[in-house]
PDB file of all heavy atoms in Angstrom:
ATOM      1  N   PRO A   1      33.883   7.693  81.509  1.00  0.00           N
ATOM      2  CA  PRO A   1      32.643   8.434  81.756  1.00  0.00           C
ATOM      3  C   PRO A   1      32.496   8.986  83.197  1.00  0.00           C
ATOM      4  O   PRO A   1      31.680   9.866  83.410  1.00  0.00           O
ATOM      5  CB  PRO A   1      31.531   7.436  81.461  1.00  0.00           C
ATOM      6  CG  PRO A   1      32.213   6.063  81.537  1.00  0.00           C
ATOM      7  CD  PRO A   1      33.620   6.265  81.153  1.00  0.00           C
ATOM      8  N   ARG A   2      33.263   8.485  84.159  1.00  0.00           N
ATOM      9  CA  ARG A   2      33.096   8.986  85.547  1.00  0.00           C
ATOM     10  C   ARG A   2      34.362   9.600  86.125  1.00  0.00           C
ATOM     11  O   ARG A   2      34.415  10.042  87.233  1.00  0.00           O
ATOM     12  CB  ARG A   2      32.635   7.839  86.483  1.00  0.00           C
ATOM     13  CG  ARG A   2      31.197   7.367  86.173  1.00  0.00           C
ATOM     14  CD  ARG A   2      30.790   6.167  86.971  1.00  0.00           C
ATOM     15  NE  ARG A   2      31.678   4.988  86.722  1.00  0.00           N
ATOM     16  CZ  ARG A   2      31.660   4.242  85.606  1.00  0.00           C
ATOM     17  NH1 ARG A   2      30.845   4.517  84.632  1.00  0.00           N
ATOM     18  NH2 ARG A   2      32.457   3.193  85.554  1.00  0.00           N
ATOM     19  N   ALA A   3      35.444   9.731  85.312  1.00  0.00           N
ATOM     20  CA  ALA A   3      36.704  10.215  85.759  1.00  0.00           C
ATOM     21  C   ALA A   3      36.577  11.619  86.375  1.00  0.00           C
ATOM     22  O   ALA A   3      37.177  11.976  87.342  1.00  0.00           O
ATOM     23  CB  ALA A   3      37.756  10.236  84.627  1.00  0.00           C
ATOM     24  N   HIS A   4      35.719  12.483  85.785  1.00  0.00           N
ATOM     25  CA  HIS A   4      35.568  13.833  86.241  1.00  0.00           C
ATOM     26  C   HIS A   4      34.858  13.971  87.559  1.00  0.00           C
ATOM     27  O   HIS A   4      34.816  15.038  88.100  1.00  0.00           O
ATOM     28  CB  HIS A   4      34.891  14.683  85.168  1.00  0.00           C
ATOM     29  CG  HIS A   4      33.496  14.314  84.901  1.00  0.00           C
ATOM     30  ND1 HIS A   4      33.095  13.140  84.245  1.00  0.00           N
ATOM     31  CD2 HIS A   4      32.281  14.847  85.330  1.00  0.00           C
ATOM     32  CE1 HIS A   4      31.771  13.016  84.218  1.00  0.00           C
ATOM     33  NE2 HIS A   4      31.273  14.085  84.801  1.00  0.00           N
ATOM     34  N   LEU A   5      34.345  12.846  88.083  1.00  0.00           N
ATOM     35  CA  LEU A   5      33.572  12.823  89.346  1.00  0.00           C
ATOM     36  C   LEU A   5      34.374  12.292  90.493  1.00  0.00           C
ATOM     37  O   LEU A   5      33.900  12.178  91.612  1.00  0.00           O
ATOM     38  CB  LEU A   5      32.344  12.014  89.178  1.00  0.00           C
ATOM     39  CG  LEU A   5      31.321  12.413  88.022  1.00  0.00           C
ATOM     40  CD1 LEU A   5      30.216  11.421  87.876  1.00  0.00           C
ATOM     41  CD2 LEU A   5      30.819  13.824  88.319  1.00  0.00           C
ATOM     42  N   ARG A   6      35.637  11.849  90.244  1.00  0.00           N
ATOM     43  CA  ARG A   6      36.390  11.069  91.244  1.00  0.00           C
ATOM     44  C   ARG A   6      37.725  11.801  91.617  1.00  0.00           C
ATOM     45  O   ARG A   6      38.635  11.914  90.777  1.00  0.00           O
ATOM     46  CB  ARG A   6      36.770   9.700  90.604  1.00  0.00           C
ATOM     47  CG  ARG A   6      35.593   8.923  90.134  1.00  0.00           C
ATOM     48  CD  ARG A   6      34.660   8.459  91.203  1.00  0.00           C
ATOM     49  NE  ARG A   6      33.837   7.387  90.731  1.00  0.00           N
ATOM     50  CZ  ARG A   6      32.507   7.396  90.890  1.00  0.00           C
ATOM     51  NH1 ARG A   6      31.875   8.416  91.395  1.00  0.00           N
ATOM     52  NH2 ARG A   6      31.788   6.310  90.512  1.00  0.00           N
ATOM     53  N   ALA A   7      37.821  12.209  92.853  1.00  0.00           N
ATOM     54  CA  ALA A   7      39.029  12.795  93.336  1.00  0.00           C
ATOM     55  C   ALA A   7      40.241  11.866  93.187  1.00  0.00           C
ATOM     56  O   ALA A   7      41.316  12.255  92.921  1.00  0.00           O
ATOM     57  CB  ALA A   7      38.898  13.272  94.767  1.00  0.00           C
ATOM     58  N   PHE A   8      39.980  10.536  93.438  1.00  0.00           N
ATOM     59  CA  PHE A   8      41.008   9.554  93.374  1.00  0.00           C
ATOM     60  C   PHE A   8      41.616   9.384  91.952  1.00  0.00           C
ATOM     61  O   PHE A   8      42.675   8.842  91.782  1.00  0.00           O
ATOM     62  CB  PHE A   8      40.620   8.205  93.937  1.00  0.00           C
ATOM     63  CG  PHE A   8      39.533   7.479  93.210  1.00  0.00           C
ATOM     64  CD1 PHE A   8      39.772   6.797  92.077  1.00  0.00           C
ATOM     65  CD2 PHE A   8      38.212   7.524  93.742  1.00  0.00           C
ATOM     66  CE1 PHE A   8      38.704   6.116  91.371  1.00  0.00           C
ATOM     67  CE2 PHE A   8      37.170   6.851  93.068  1.00  0.00           C
ATOM     68  CZ  PHE A   8      37.455   6.172  91.930  1.00  0.00           C
ATOM     69  N   VAL A   9      40.935   9.878  90.920  1.00  0.00           N
ATOM     70  CA  VAL A   9      41.450   9.955  89.590  1.00  0.00           C
ATOM     71  C   VAL A   9      42.068  11.320  89.300  1.00  0.00           C
ATOM     72  O   VAL A   9      43.168  11.435  88.825  1.00  0.00           O
ATOM     73  CB  VAL A   9      40.364   9.603  88.527  1.00  0.00           C
ATOM     74  CG1 VAL A   9      40.880   9.922  87.093  1.00  0.00           C
ATOM     75  CG2 VAL A   9      39.885   8.218  88.623  1.00  0.00           C
ATOM     76  N   LEU A  10      41.317  12.377  89.630  1.00  0.00           N
ATOM     77  CA  LEU A  10      41.697  13.746  89.253  1.00  0.00           C
ATOM     78  C   LEU A  10      42.952  14.235  90.000  1.00  0.00           C
ATOM     79  O   LEU A  10      43.796  14.873  89.370  1.00  0.00           O
ATOM     80  CB  LEU A  10      40.544  14.679  89.483  1.00  0.00           C
ATOM     81  CG  LEU A  10      39.289  14.414  88.625  1.00  0.00           C
ATOM     82  CD1 LEU A  10      38.170  15.245  89.048  1.00  0.00           C
ATOM     83  CD2 LEU A  10      39.636  14.681  87.129  1.00  0.00           C
ATOM     84  N   LYS A  11      43.061  14.009  91.273  1.00  0.00           N
ATOM     85  CA  LYS A  11      44.235  14.502  91.989  1.00  0.00           C
ATOM     86  C   LYS A  11      45.523  13.919  91.491  1.00  0.00           C
ATOM     87  O   LYS A  11      46.538  14.616  91.190  1.00  0.00           O
ATOM     88  CB  LYS A  11      44.064  14.397  93.496  1.00  0.00           C
ATOM     89  CG  LYS A  11      43.004  15.359  94.045  1.00  0.00           C
ATOM     90  CD  LYS A  11      43.047  15.447  95.530  1.00  0.00           C
ATOM     91  CE  LYS A  11      42.074  16.608  95.965  1.00  0.00           C
ATOM     92  NZ  LYS A  11      42.150  16.927  97.318  1.00  0.00           N
ATOM     93  N   PRO A  12      45.564  12.574  91.311  1.00  0.00           N
ATOM     94  CA  PRO A  12      46.852  12.041  90.736  1.00  0.00           C
ATOM     95  C   PRO A  12      47.023  12.400  89.238  1.00  0.00           C
ATOM     96  O   PRO A  12      48.112  12.628  88.815  1.00  0.00           O
ATOM     97  CB  PRO A  12      46.777  10.527  90.944  1.00  0.00           C
ATOM     98  CG  PRO A  12      45.447  10.223  91.488  1.00  0.00           C
ATOM     99  CD  PRO A  12      44.730  11.553  91.856  1.00  0.00           C
ATOM    100  N   LEU A  13      45.928  12.508  88.514  1.00  0.00           N
ATOM    101  CA  LEU A  13      46.023  12.911  87.120  1.00  0.00           C
ATOM    102  C   LEU A  13      46.598  14.305  86.993  1.00  0.00           C
ATOM    103  O   LEU A  13      47.468  14.569  86.116  1.00  0.00           O
ATOM    104  CB  LEU A  13      44.641  12.884  86.449  1.00  0.00           C
ATOM    105  CG  LEU A  13      44.531  13.052  85.018  1.00  0.00           C
ATOM    106  CD1 LEU A  13      43.303  12.379  84.458  1.00  0.00           C
ATOM    107  CD2 LEU A  13      44.554  14.508  84.550  1.00  0.00           C
ATOM    108  N   ALA A  14      46.256  15.228  87.865  1.00  0.00           N
ATOM    109  CA  ALA A  14      46.781  16.604  87.865  1.00  0.00           C
ATOM    110  C   ALA A  14      48.252  16.586  88.082  1.00  0.00           C
ATOM    111  O   ALA A  14      48.958  17.521  87.615  1.00  0.00           O
ATOM    112  CB  ALA A  14      46.091  17.440  88.930  1.00  0.00           C
ATOM    113  N   GLU A  15      48.821  15.623  88.804  1.00  0.00           N
ATOM    114  CA  GLU A  15      50.267  15.529  88.997  1.00  0.00           C
ATOM    115  C   GLU A  15      51.019  15.192  87.731  1.00  0.00           C
ATOM    116  O   GLU A  15      52.068  15.671  87.458  1.00  0.00           O
ATOM    117  CB  GLU A  15      50.643  14.499  90.069  1.00  0.00           C
ATOM    118  CG  GLU A  15      50.144  14.889  91.437  1.00  0.00           C
ATOM    119  CD  GLU A  15      50.540  13.864  92.506  1.00  0.00           C
ATOM    120  OE1 GLU A  15      50.935  12.762  92.108  1.00  0.00           O
ATOM    121  OE2 GLU A  15      50.385  14.131  93.663  1.00  0.00           O
ATOM    122  N   VAL A  16      50.416  14.304  86.892  1.00  0.00           N
ATOM    123  CA  VAL A  16      51.173  13.800  85.713  1.00  0.00           C
ATOM    124  C   VAL A  16      50.822  14.570  84.425  1.00  0.00           C
ATOM    125  O   VAL A  16      51.533  14.591  83.478  1.00  0.00           O
ATOM    126  CB  VAL A  16      50.968  12.284  85.473  1.00  0.00           C
ATOM    127  CG1 VAL A  16      51.559  11.499  86.636  1.00  0.00           C
ATOM    128  CG2 VAL A  16      49.515  11.920  85.238  1.00  0.00           C
ATOM    129  N   ALA A  17      49.614  15.261  84.441  1.00  0.00           N
ATOM    130  CA  ALA A  17      49.138  15.991  83.304  1.00  0.00           C
ATOM    131  C   ALA A  17      48.394  17.213  83.722  1.00  0.00           C
ATOM    132  O   ALA A  17      47.203  17.381  83.576  1.00  0.00           O
ATOM    133  CB  ALA A  17      48.227  15.094  82.443  1.00  0.00           C
ATOM    134  N   PRO A  18      49.164  18.215  84.337  1.00  0.00           N
ATOM    135  CA  PRO A  18      48.491  19.401  84.958  1.00  0.00           C
ATOM    136  C   PRO A  18      47.795  20.246  83.919  1.00  0.00           C
ATOM    137  O   PRO A  18      46.897  21.018  84.269  1.00  0.00           O
ATOM    138  CB  PRO A  18      49.660  20.164  85.588  1.00  0.00           C
ATOM    139  CG  PRO A  18      50.882  19.655  84.998  1.00  0.00           C
ATOM    140  CD  PRO A  18      50.622  18.181  84.564  1.00  0.00           C
ATOM    141  N   GLY A  19      48.123  20.134  82.648  1.00  0.00           N
ATOM    142  CA  GLY A  19      47.430  20.906  81.620  1.00  0.00           C
ATOM    143  C   GLY A  19      46.264  20.196  80.927  1.00  0.00           C
ATOM    144  O   GLY A  19      45.706  20.670  79.979  1.00  0.00           O
ATOM    145  N   TRP A  20      45.959  18.978  81.417  1.00  0.00           N
ATOM    146  CA  TRP A  20      44.938  18.210  80.781  1.00  0.00           C
ATOM    147  C   TRP A  20      43.583  18.885  80.822  1.00  0.00           C
ATOM    148  O   TRP A  20      43.194  19.531  81.859  1.00  0.00           O
ATOM    149  CB  TRP A  20      44.815  16.839  81.495  1.00  0.00           C
ATOM    150  CG  TRP A  20      43.839  15.887  80.845  1.00  0.00           C
ATOM    151  CD1 TRP A  20      44.007  15.211  79.612  1.00  0.00           C
ATOM    152  CD2 TRP A  20      42.569  15.452  81.309  1.00  0.00           C
ATOM    153  NE1 TRP A  20      42.914  14.451  79.388  1.00  0.00           N
ATOM    154  CE2 TRP A  20      42.020  14.557  80.402  1.00  0.00           C
ATOM    155  CE3 TRP A  20      41.818  15.800  82.450  1.00  0.00           C
ATOM    156  CZ2 TRP A  20      40.788  13.929  80.569  1.00  0.00           C
ATOM    157  CZ3 TRP A  20      40.592  15.221  82.676  1.00  0.00           C
ATOM    158  CH2 TRP A  20      40.084  14.292  81.723  1.00  0.00           C
ATOM    159  N   VAL A  21      42.863  18.823  79.735  1.00  0.00           N
ATOM    160  CA  VAL A  21      41.474  19.414  79.630  1.00  0.00           C
ATOM    161  C   VAL A  21      40.579  18.276  79.241  1.00  0.00           C
ATOM    162  O   VAL A  21      40.842  17.530  78.272  1.00  0.00           O
ATOM    163  CB  VAL A  21      41.434  20.548  78.615  1.00  0.00           C
ATOM    164  CG1 VAL A  21      40.015  21.043  78.365  1.00  0.00           C
ATOM    165  CG2 VAL A  21      42.360  21.681  79.016  1.00  0.00           C
ATOM    166  N   HIS A  22      39.476  18.128  79.964  1.00  0.00           N
ATOM    167  CA  HIS A  22      38.501  17.060  79.690  1.00  0.00           C
ATOM    168  C   HIS A  22      37.957  17.236  78.251  1.00  0.00           C
ATOM    169  O   HIS A  22      37.497  18.299  77.948  1.00  0.00           O
ATOM    170  CB  HIS A  22      37.382  17.129  80.696  1.00  0.00           C
ATOM    171  CG  HIS A  22      36.484  15.932  80.700  1.00  0.00           C
ATOM    172  ND1 HIS A  22      35.556  15.691  79.660  1.00  0.00           N
ATOM    173  CD2 HIS A  22      36.391  14.873  81.523  1.00  0.00           C
ATOM    174  CE1 HIS A  22      34.896  14.580  79.908  1.00  0.00           C
ATOM    175  NE2 HIS A  22      35.387  14.073  81.052  1.00  0.00           N
ATOM    176  N   PRO A  23      38.147  16.244  77.395  1.00  0.00           N
ATOM    177  CA  PRO A  23      37.794  16.448  76.001  1.00  0.00           C
ATOM    178  C   PRO A  23      36.323  16.721  75.740  1.00  0.00           C
ATOM    179  O   PRO A  23      36.008  17.301  74.688  1.00  0.00           O
ATOM    180  CB  PRO A  23      38.192  15.105  75.308  1.00  0.00           C
ATOM    181  CG  PRO A  23      39.019  14.405  76.331  1.00  0.00           C
ATOM    182  CD  PRO A  23      38.733  14.960  77.645  1.00  0.00           C
ATOM    183  N   VAL A  24      35.395  16.332  76.615  1.00  0.00           N
ATOM    184  CA  VAL A  24      33.962  16.571  76.421  1.00  0.00           C
ATOM    185  C   VAL A  24      33.547  17.846  77.152  1.00  0.00           C
ATOM    186  O   VAL A  24      32.890  18.707  76.586  1.00  0.00           O
ATOM    187  CB  VAL A  24      33.157  15.381  76.854  1.00  0.00           C
ATOM    188  CG1 VAL A  24      31.701  15.687  76.781  1.00  0.00           C
ATOM    189  CG2 VAL A  24      33.460  14.147  76.009  1.00  0.00           C
ATOM    190  N   LEU A  25      33.901  17.928  78.407  1.00  0.00           N
ATOM    191  CA  LEU A  25      33.531  18.992  79.280  1.00  0.00           C
ATOM    192  C   LEU A  25      34.235  20.294  78.957  1.00  0.00           C
ATOM    193  O   LEU A  25      33.808  21.398  79.359  1.00  0.00           O
ATOM    194  CB  LEU A  25      33.642  18.658  80.744  1.00  0.00           C
ATOM    195  CG  LEU A  25      32.888  17.444  81.191  1.00  0.00           C
ATOM    196  CD1 LEU A  25      33.191  17.110  82.677  1.00  0.00           C
ATOM    197  CD2 LEU A  25      31.356  17.614  81.000  1.00  0.00           C
ATOM    198  N   LYS A  26      35.399  20.147  78.366  1.00  0.00           N
ATOM    199  CA  LYS A  26      36.297  21.315  78.016  1.00  0.00           C
ATOM    200  C   LYS A  26      36.753  22.013  79.292  1.00  0.00           C
ATOM    201  O   LYS A  26      37.025  23.221  79.308  1.00  0.00           O
ATOM    202  CB  LYS A  26      35.660  22.341  77.084  1.00  0.00           C
ATOM    203  CG  LYS A  26      35.113  21.708  75.760  1.00  0.00           C
ATOM    204  CD  LYS A  26      36.237  21.080  74.963  1.00  0.00           C
ATOM    205  CE  LYS A  26      35.690  20.573  73.615  1.00  0.00           C
ATOM    206  NZ  LYS A  26      36.487  19.519  73.096  1.00  0.00           N
ATOM    207  N   ALA A  27      36.783  21.320  80.402  1.00  0.00           N
ATOM    208  CA  ALA A  27      37.202  21.863  81.687  1.00  0.00           C
ATOM    209  C   ALA A  27      38.622  21.381  82.012  1.00  0.00           C
ATOM    210  O   ALA A  27      38.929  20.213  81.847  1.00  0.00           O
ATOM    211  CB  ALA A  27      36.259  21.447  82.804  1.00  0.00           C
ATOM    212  N   PRO A  28      39.482  22.316  82.453  1.00  0.00           N
ATOM    213  CA  PRO A  28      40.805  21.911  82.882  1.00  0.00           C
ATOM    214  C   PRO A  28      40.775  21.073  84.148  1.00  0.00           C
ATOM    215  O   PRO A  28      39.876  21.196  84.953  1.00  0.00           O
ATOM    216  CB  PRO A  28      41.562  23.262  83.085  1.00  0.00           C
ATOM    217  CG  PRO A  28      40.460  24.259  83.335  1.00  0.00           C
ATOM    218  CD  PRO A  28      39.229  23.782  82.633  1.00  0.00           C
ATOM    219  N   VAL A  29      41.789  20.212  84.302  1.00  0.00           N
ATOM    220  CA  VAL A  29      41.831  19.337  85.442  1.00  0.00           C
ATOM    221  C   VAL A  29      41.746  20.090  86.801  1.00  0.00           C
ATOM    222  O   VAL A  29      41.122  19.598  87.690  1.00  0.00           O
ATOM    223  CB  VAL A  29      43.017  18.362  85.344  1.00  0.00           C
ATOM    224  CG1 VAL A  29      44.326  19.063  85.534  1.00  0.00           C
ATOM    225  CG2 VAL A  29      42.858  17.229  86.382  1.00  0.00           C
ATOM    226  N   ALA A  30      42.400  21.277  86.827  1.00  0.00           N
ATOM    227  CA  ALA A  30      42.387  22.035  88.086  1.00  0.00           C
ATOM    228  C   ALA A  30      40.924  22.417  88.477  1.00  0.00           C
ATOM    229  O   ALA A  30      40.581  22.356  89.649  1.00  0.00           O
ATOM    230  CB  ALA A  30      43.209  23.333  87.971  1.00  0.00           C
ATOM    231  N   ALA A  31      40.085  22.755  87.551  1.00  0.00           N
ATOM    232  CA  ALA A  31      38.707  23.060  87.854  1.00  0.00           C
ATOM    233  C   ALA A  31      37.922  21.824  88.215  1.00  0.00           C
ATOM    234  O   ALA A  31      37.069  21.868  89.148  1.00  0.00           O
ATOM    235  CB  ALA A  31      38.013  23.712  86.599  1.00  0.00           C
ATOM    236  N   LEU A  32      38.213  20.674  87.576  1.00  0.00           N
ATOM    237  CA  LEU A  32      37.542  19.458  87.967  1.00  0.00           C
ATOM    238  C   LEU A  32      37.946  18.983  89.366  1.00  0.00           C
ATOM    239  O   LEU A  32      37.068  18.543  90.144  1.00  0.00           O
ATOM    240  CB  LEU A  32      37.833  18.353  86.965  1.00  0.00           C
ATOM    241  CG  LEU A  32      37.355  18.648  85.557  1.00  0.00           C
ATOM    242  CD1 LEU A  32      37.951  17.563  84.567  1.00  0.00           C
ATOM    243  CD2 LEU A  32      35.829  18.610  85.476  1.00  0.00           C
ATOM    244  N   VAL A  33      39.228  19.162  89.739  1.00  0.00           N
ATOM    245  CA  VAL A  33      39.693  18.893  91.075  1.00  0.00           C
ATOM    246  C   VAL A  33      38.906  19.688  92.134  1.00  0.00           C
ATOM    247  O   VAL A  33      38.527  19.173  93.163  1.00  0.00           O
ATOM    248  CB  VAL A  33      41.169  19.059  91.215  1.00  0.00           C
ATOM    249  CG1 VAL A  33      41.627  19.032  92.675  1.00  0.00           C
ATOM    250  CG2 VAL A  33      41.912  17.955  90.460  1.00  0.00           C
ATOM    251  N   ALA A  34      38.726  20.952  91.825  1.00  0.00           N
ATOM    252  CA  ALA A  34      37.969  21.824  92.757  1.00  0.00           C
ATOM    253  C   ALA A  34      36.601  21.393  93.011  1.00  0.00           C
ATOM    254  O   ALA A  34      36.075  21.529  94.146  1.00  0.00           O
ATOM    255  CB  ALA A  34      38.012  23.262  92.247  1.00  0.00           C
ATOM    256  N   ASP A  35      35.975  20.705  92.022  1.00  0.00           N
ATOM    257  CA  ASP A  35      34.600  20.217  92.183  1.00  0.00           C
ATOM    258  C   ASP A  35      34.493  18.965  93.078  1.00  0.00           C
ATOM    259  O   ASP A  35      33.378  18.628  93.444  1.00  0.00           O
ATOM    260  CB  ASP A  35      34.014  19.906  90.811  1.00  0.00           C
ATOM    261  CG  ASP A  35      33.724  21.099  89.945  1.00  0.00           C
ATOM    262  OD1 ASP A  35      33.664  22.216  90.559  1.00  0.00           O
ATOM    263  OD2 ASP A  35      33.568  20.984  88.730  1.00  0.00           O
ATOM    264  N   VAL A  36      35.626  18.307  93.375  1.00  0.00           N
ATOM    265  CA  VAL A  36      35.613  17.022  94.189  1.00  0.00           C
ATOM    266  C   VAL A  36      36.353  17.190  95.457  1.00  0.00           C
ATOM    267  O   VAL A  36      36.701  16.181  96.090  1.00  0.00           O
ATOM    268  CB  VAL A  36      36.082  15.837  93.327  1.00  0.00           C
ATOM    269  CG1 VAL A  36      35.193  15.589  92.146  1.00  0.00           C
ATOM    270  CG2 VAL A  36      37.524  16.064  92.900  1.00  0.00           C
ATOM    271  N   GLU A  37      36.550  18.419  95.924  1.00  0.00           N
ATOM    272  CA  GLU A  37      37.343  18.608  97.146  1.00  0.00           C
ATOM    273  C   GLU A  37      36.764  17.993  98.364  1.00  0.00           C
ATOM    274  O   GLU A  37      37.436  17.762  99.334  1.00  0.00           O
ATOM    275  CB  GLU A  37      37.559  20.139  97.390  1.00  0.00           C
ATOM    276  CG  GLU A  37      38.596  20.738  96.459  1.00  0.00           C
ATOM    277  CD  GLU A  37      39.993  20.167  96.691  1.00  0.00           C
ATOM    278  OE1 GLU A  37      40.359  19.718  97.731  1.00  0.00           O
ATOM    279  OE2 GLU A  37      40.817  20.217  95.702  1.00  0.00           O
ATOM    280  N   ASP A  38      35.418  17.699  98.334  1.00  0.00           N
ATOM    281  CA  ASP A  38      34.748  17.134  99.525  1.00  0.00           C
ATOM    282  C   ASP A  38      34.985  15.640  99.640  1.00  0.00           C
ATOM    283  O   ASP A  38      34.615  15.041 100.681  1.00  0.00           O
ATOM    284  CB  ASP A  38      33.320  17.459  99.526  1.00  0.00           C
ATOM    285  CG  ASP A  38      32.580  16.888  98.292  1.00  0.00           C
ATOM    286  OD1 ASP A  38      33.282  16.747  97.209  1.00  0.00           O
ATOM    287  OD2 ASP A  38      31.379  16.597  98.373  1.00  0.00           O
ATOM    288  N   GLN A  39      35.607  14.992  98.643  1.00  0.00           N
ATOM    289  CA  GLN A  39      35.823  13.537  98.719  1.00  0.00           C
ATOM    290  C   GLN A  39      37.032  13.217  99.550  1.00  0.00           C
ATOM    291  O   GLN A  39      38.079  13.891  99.465  1.00  0.00           O
ATOM    292  CB  GLN A  39      35.965  12.975  97.302  1.00  0.00           C
ATOM    293  CG  GLN A  39      34.705  13.079  96.501  1.00  0.00           C
ATOM    294  CD  GLN A  39      34.906  12.548  95.100  1.00  0.00           C
ATOM    295  OE1 GLN A  39      35.800  11.801  94.794  1.00  0.00           O
ATOM    296  NE2 GLN A  39      33.959  12.936  94.252  1.00  0.00           N
ATOM    297  N   ALA A  40      36.910  12.151 100.322  1.00  0.00           N
ATOM    298  CA  ALA A  40      37.999  11.727 101.299  1.00  0.00           C
ATOM    299  C   ALA A  40      39.161  11.110 100.499  1.00  0.00           C
ATOM    300  O   ALA A  40      38.977  10.020  99.884  1.00  0.00           O
ATOM    301  CB  ALA A  40      37.416  10.730 102.307  1.00  0.00           C
TER     302      ALA A  40
END
């Protein structure tokens, strides 16, 4: 439920599954990563 809000999940996820699309939000991982760019 919170994976799409966490850079520490999304950035590594994008490395192993670059084509992954969030099954509920229907957003590709690249778009989700862009939403969390401000996280350290």
